[in-house]
């Protein structure tokens, strides 16, 4: 499952539940700090540092994690990214 540039905190847990055993979830969206570069600026739509790691259920292992600045298409942004695999 791939989620990009979308954050609805109340449903994040449900997304993990949709992944089959052996399946992967890749999630990337804007994070705190992005407000200095552009939209979104509303904290409701910005992940806090390590938020995805804290939300990740115990039946997932982390394959990759990133929190920081990204420079793409001549524009800076702050993102958080998690790639995780469901193991049971």
Protein backbone atom coordinates (compact mmCIF):
# COMPACT_ATOMS: atom_id res chain seq x y z
CA UNK A 1 0.00 0.00 0.00
CA UNK A 2 1.34 3.44 -0.91
CA UNK A 3 0.14 6.68 0.67
CA UNK A 4 1.61 10.00 -0.41
CA UNK A 5 0.94 13.57 0.69
CA UNK A 6 -2.14 12.70 2.74
CA UNK A 7 -2.74 12.81 6.49
CA UNK A 8 -5.93 11.89 8.31
CA UNK A 9 -4.68 10.84 11.76
CA UNK A 10 -7.92 9.20 12.82
CA UNK A 11 -7.56 6.60 10.04
CA UNK A 12 -3.82 5.81 10.05
CA UNK A 13 -4.31 2.71 12.21
CA UNK A 14 -6.95 1.47 9.81
CA UNK A 15 -4.47 1.72 6.93
CA UNK A 16 -2.02 -0.60 8.68
CA UNK A 17 -4.87 -3.07 9.25
CA UNK A 18 -5.50 -3.26 5.49
CA UNK A 19 -2.03 -4.69 4.81
CA UNK A 20 -1.85 -8.50 4.48
CA UNK A 21 0.83 -10.52 6.27
CA UNK A 22 3.98 -10.21 4.19
CA UNK A 23 2.70 -6.99 2.64
CA UNK A 24 4.22 -3.53 2.73
CA UNK A 25 3.06 -0.06 3.66
CA UNK A 26 4.90 2.97 2.30
CA UNK A 27 3.76 6.28 3.72
CA UNK A 28 5.15 9.73 2.96
CA UNK A 29 3.68 13.11 3.74
CA UNK A 30 4.60 16.53 5.00
CA UNK A 31 6.00 17.03 8.49
CA UNK A 32 6.52 19.75 11.07
CA UNK A 33 8.96 22.28 9.65
CA UNK A 34 7.32 22.35 6.24
CA UNK A 35 5.46 25.54 7.17
CA UNK A 36 8.64 27.55 6.51
CA UNK A 37 8.70 26.36 2.87
CA UNK A 38 5.03 26.42 1.88
CA UNK A 39 1.77 24.54 2.21
CA UNK A 40 0.57 22.71 4.11
CA UNK A 41 1.19 24.94 7.12
CA UNK A 42 -1.66 23.74 9.33
CA UNK A 43 -0.25 21.47 12.09
CA UNK A 44 -3.26 19.17 11.63
CA UNK A 45 -1.71 18.17 8.29
CA UNK A 46 1.92 17.93 9.40
CA UNK A 47 3.37 14.83 11.03
CA UNK A 48 5.30 15.36 14.26
CA UNK A 49 8.84 13.99 14.45
CA UNK A 50 8.80 10.16 14.62
CA UNK A 51 4.98 10.09 14.56
CA UNK A 52 4.82 7.32 11.96
CA UNK A 53 7.26 5.20 13.96
CA UNK A 54 5.15 5.67 17.08
CA UNK A 55 1.92 4.77 15.27
CA UNK A 56 3.38 1.70 13.54
CA UNK A 57 1.92 -1.48 15.09
CA UNK A 58 4.21 -4.10 16.62
CA UNK A 59 3.36 -6.56 13.85
CA UNK A 60 5.28 -4.39 11.35
CA UNK A 61 9.04 -4.07 10.97
CA UNK A 62 10.63 -0.88 9.72
CA UNK A 63 12.37 -1.24 6.37
CA UNK A 64 13.22 2.45 5.98
CA UNK A 65 12.45 5.69 7.80
CA UNK A 66 13.23 9.31 6.97
CA UNK A 67 12.39 12.64 8.57
CA UNK A 68 13.90 15.78 7.14
CA UNK A 69 14.21 18.22 4.29
CA UNK A 70 13.64 17.14 0.72
CA UNK A 71 14.63 19.17 -2.33
CA UNK A 72 12.58 18.25 -5.38
CA UNK A 73 11.66 20.23 -8.52
CA UNK A 74 13.52 23.29 -7.19
CA UNK A 75 11.39 23.29 -4.03
CA UNK A 76 12.23 22.42 -0.45
CA UNK A 77 9.82 20.63 1.86
CA UNK A 78 9.98 18.71 5.12
CA UNK A 79 8.66 15.17 4.94
CA UNK A 80 8.41 11.99 6.93
CA UNK A 81 8.57 8.63 5.20
CA UNK A 82 8.07 5.10 6.47
CA UNK A 83 8.43 1.82 4.64
CA UNK A 84 7.28 -1.11 6.78
CA UNK A 85 6.47 -4.80 6.32
CA UNK A 86 3.74 -6.71 8.14
CA UNK A 87 5.28 -9.81 9.67
CA UNK A 88 2.26 -11.33 11.46
